[in-house]
């Protein structure tokens, strides 16, 4: 697959700005979750993991009442 570069540099600047904005928002949301004692979830190779507020990584949902 061939990728065509765009001539308009403003598109790249806008995309970079938006990515930085999104990264900052995600980082802040993770911090709020930690402060409130909630786990952060993420996916690696299609498998879901949870980071507990103490930094421990687990494969089960800690908020699931069945466990």
N, C-alpha and C. Protein backbone atom coordinates (compact mmCIF):
# COMPACT_ATOMS: atom_id res chain seq x y z
N UNK A 1 0.85 -1.18 0.00
CA UNK A 1 0.00 0.00 0.00
C UNK A 1 0.89 1.24 0.00
N UNK A 2 0.58 2.14 -0.87
CA UNK A 2 1.38 3.35 -0.99
C UNK A 2 0.65 4.51 -0.32
N UNK A 3 1.37 5.29 0.46
CA UNK A 3 0.79 6.42 1.16
C UNK A 3 1.20 7.70 0.45
N UNK A 4 0.21 8.50 0.15
CA UNK A 4 0.47 9.76 -0.54
C UNK A 4 0.61 10.86 0.50
N UNK A 5 1.70 11.63 0.43
CA UNK A 5 1.90 12.73 1.35
C UNK A 5 1.07 13.92 0.88
N UNK A 6 0.55 14.67 1.84
CA UNK A 6 -0.24 15.84 1.52
C UNK A 6 0.66 17.07 1.44
N UNK A 7 0.31 18.00 0.58
CA UNK A 7 1.11 19.21 0.40
C UNK A 7 0.84 20.25 1.50
N UNK A 8 -0.33 20.20 2.09
CA UNK A 8 -0.72 21.20 3.06
C UNK A 8 -0.17 20.83 4.45
N UNK A 9 0.81 21.58 4.93
CA UNK A 9 1.44 21.32 6.22
C UNK A 9 0.49 21.60 7.39
N UNK A 10 -0.52 22.43 7.18
CA UNK A 10 -1.47 22.74 8.25
C UNK A 10 -2.22 21.49 8.70
N UNK A 11 -2.45 20.56 7.81
CA UNK A 11 -3.14 19.31 8.17
C UNK A 11 -2.29 18.53 9.17
N UNK A 12 -0.98 18.45 8.93
CA UNK A 12 -0.08 17.73 9.83
C UNK A 12 0.03 18.44 11.18
N UNK A 13 0.06 19.75 11.15
CA UNK A 13 0.14 20.52 12.40
C UNK A 13 -1.14 20.33 13.22
N UNK A 14 -2.28 20.35 12.56
CA UNK A 14 -3.55 20.16 13.25
C UNK A 14 -3.64 18.76 13.83
N UNK A 15 -3.22 17.77 13.07
CA UNK A 15 -3.25 16.39 13.54
C UNK A 15 -2.34 16.21 14.75
N UNK A 16 -1.17 16.81 14.71
CA UNK A 16 -0.23 16.73 15.83
C UNK A 16 -0.82 17.41 17.07
N UNK A 17 -1.42 18.56 16.88
CA UNK A 17 -2.06 19.28 18.00
C UNK A 17 -3.17 18.44 18.62
N UNK A 18 -4.00 17.84 17.78
CA UNK A 18 -5.11 17.03 18.28
C UNK A 18 -4.60 15.80 19.03
N UNK A 19 -3.58 15.14 18.51
CA UNK A 19 -3.02 13.97 19.18
C UNK A 19 -2.47 14.34 20.56
N UNK A 20 -1.77 15.45 20.65
CA UNK A 20 -1.25 15.90 21.95
C UNK A 20 -2.38 16.22 22.91
N UNK A 21 -3.42 16.82 22.41
CA UNK A 21 -4.58 17.15 23.23
C UNK A 21 -5.25 15.88 23.76
N UNK A 22 -5.42 14.88 22.89
CA UNK A 22 -6.04 13.61 23.30
C UNK A 22 -5.17 12.88 24.31
N UNK A 23 -3.86 12.86 24.09
CA UNK A 23 -2.95 12.19 25.05
C UNK A 23 -3.05 12.83 26.43
N UNK A 24 -3.10 14.15 26.46
CA UNK A 24 -3.20 14.86 27.74
C UNK A 24 -4.53 14.54 28.42
N UNK A 25 -5.61 14.48 27.67
CA UNK A 25 -6.93 14.17 28.25
C UNK A 25 -6.95 12.76 28.82
N UNK A 26 -6.36 11.81 28.12
CA UNK A 26 -6.32 10.42 28.60
C UNK A 26 -5.48 10.33 29.87
N UNK A 27 -4.35 11.01 29.89
CA UNK A 27 -3.47 11.01 31.06
C UNK A 27 -4.21 11.58 32.28
N UNK A 28 -4.92 12.67 32.08
CA UNK A 28 -5.68 13.28 33.18
C UNK A 28 -6.80 12.37 33.65
N UNK A 29 -7.48 11.70 32.73
CA UNK A 29 -8.56 10.78 33.10
C UNK A 29 -8.02 9.61 33.92
N UNK A 30 -6.86 9.10 33.55
CA UNK A 30 -6.25 8.01 34.31
C UNK A 30 -5.90 8.45 35.72
N UNK A 31 -5.39 9.66 35.87
CA UNK A 31 -5.07 10.19 37.19
C UNK A 31 -6.32 10.34 38.06
N UNK A 32 -7.40 10.80 37.46
CA UNK A 32 -8.67 10.94 38.21
C UNK A 32 -9.14 9.57 38.68
N UNK A 33 -9.03 8.56 37.80
CA UNK A 33 -9.41 7.20 38.19
C UNK A 33 -8.57 6.71 39.36
N UNK A 34 -7.26 6.93 39.31
CA UNK A 34 -6.39 6.49 40.40
C UNK A 34 -6.77 7.17 41.71
N UNK A 35 -7.00 8.47 41.65
CA UNK A 35 -7.36 9.21 42.86
C UNK A 35 -8.68 8.74 43.45
N UNK A 36 -9.59 8.27 42.60
CA UNK A 36 -10.90 7.80 43.07
C UNK A 36 -10.93 6.30 43.32
N UNK A 37 -9.78 5.64 43.21
CA UNK A 37 -9.71 4.21 43.50
C UNK A 37 -10.29 3.32 42.42
N UNK A 38 -10.35 3.80 41.19
CA UNK A 38 -10.91 3.02 40.09
C UNK A 38 -9.79 2.46 39.22
N UNK A 39 -10.00 1.27 38.65
CA UNK A 39 -8.98 0.69 37.77
C UNK A 39 -9.02 1.33 36.39
N UNK A 40 -7.85 1.35 35.74
CA UNK A 40 -7.75 1.78 34.34
C UNK A 40 -7.64 0.51 33.50
N UNK A 41 -8.42 0.43 32.44
CA UNK A 41 -8.34 -0.76 31.59
C UNK A 41 -7.66 -0.42 30.27
N UNK A 42 -7.01 -1.44 29.71
CA UNK A 42 -6.35 -1.29 28.42
C UNK A 42 -6.29 -2.65 27.75
N UNK A 43 -6.02 -2.65 26.45
CA UNK A 43 -6.02 -3.88 25.66
C UNK A 43 -4.67 -4.05 24.99
N UNK A 44 -4.11 -5.27 25.09
CA UNK A 44 -2.88 -5.62 24.40
C UNK A 44 -3.15 -6.91 23.63
N UNK A 45 -2.93 -6.86 22.32
CA UNK A 45 -3.17 -8.02 21.45
C UNK A 45 -4.55 -8.63 21.65
N UNK A 46 -5.55 -7.79 21.81
CA UNK A 46 -6.92 -8.25 21.93
C UNK A 46 -7.30 -8.75 23.31
N UNK A 47 -6.40 -8.68 24.27
CA UNK A 47 -6.69 -9.15 25.62
C UNK A 47 -6.78 -7.96 26.56
N UNK A 48 -7.84 -7.93 27.38
CA UNK A 48 -8.09 -6.80 28.27
C UNK A 48 -7.37 -7.00 29.61
N UNK A 49 -6.73 -5.93 30.08
CA UNK A 49 -6.05 -5.90 31.36
C UNK A 49 -6.56 -4.71 32.16
N UNK A 50 -6.37 -4.78 33.46
CA UNK A 50 -6.79 -3.70 34.35
C UNK A 50 -5.62 -3.30 35.23
N UNK A 51 -5.37 -2.01 35.33
CA UNK A 51 -4.34 -1.49 36.22
C UNK A 51 -5.05 -0.96 37.46
N UNK A 52 -4.76 -1.57 38.59
CA UNK A 52 -5.36 -1.16 39.85
C UNK A 52 -4.70 0.13 40.33
N UNK A 53 -5.36 0.87 41.22
CA UNK A 53 -4.79 2.12 41.71
C UNK A 53 -3.40 1.97 42.36
N UNK A 54 -3.09 0.77 42.88
CA UNK A 54 -1.77 0.55 43.48
C UNK A 54 -0.71 0.19 42.44
N UNK A 55 -1.08 0.13 41.15
CA UNK A 55 -0.15 -0.15 40.08
C UNK A 55 -0.13 -1.60 39.63
N UNK A 56 -0.81 -2.47 40.34
CA UNK A 56 -0.85 -3.89 39.98
C UNK A 56 -1.68 -4.09 38.71
N UNK A 57 -1.21 -4.98 37.82
CA UNK A 57 -1.91 -5.31 36.58
C UNK A 57 -2.58 -6.66 36.76
N UNK A 58 -3.89 -6.73 36.48
CA UNK A 58 -4.64 -7.98 36.60
C UNK A 58 -5.43 -8.22 35.32
N UNK A 59 -5.84 -9.48 35.10
CA UNK A 59 -6.60 -9.84 33.91
C UNK A 59 -8.10 -9.87 34.17
N UNK A 60 -8.51 -9.82 35.42
CA UNK A 60 -9.94 -9.87 35.73
C UNK A 60 -10.45 -8.46 36.03
N UNK A 61 -11.74 -8.26 35.84
CA UNK A 61 -12.35 -6.98 36.12
C UNK A 61 -12.58 -6.86 37.63
N UNK A 62 -11.87 -5.98 38.30
CA UNK A 62 -12.01 -5.86 39.74
C UNK A 62 -13.36 -5.28 40.17
N UNK A 63 -14.08 -4.69 39.26
CA UNK A 63 -15.38 -4.12 39.59
C UNK A 63 -16.51 -5.11 39.37
N UNK A 64 -16.20 -6.29 38.80
CA UNK A 64 -17.19 -7.31 38.54
C UNK A 64 -17.60 -7.95 39.88
N UNK A 65 -18.85 -7.85 40.23
CA UNK A 65 -19.32 -8.35 41.54
C UNK A 65 -19.33 -9.87 41.62
N UNK A 66 -19.22 -10.57 40.49
CA UNK A 66 -19.25 -12.03 40.50
C UNK A 66 -17.96 -12.62 41.05
N UNK A 67 -16.87 -11.90 41.00
CA UNK A 67 -15.56 -12.41 41.45
C UNK A 67 -15.43 -12.29 42.96
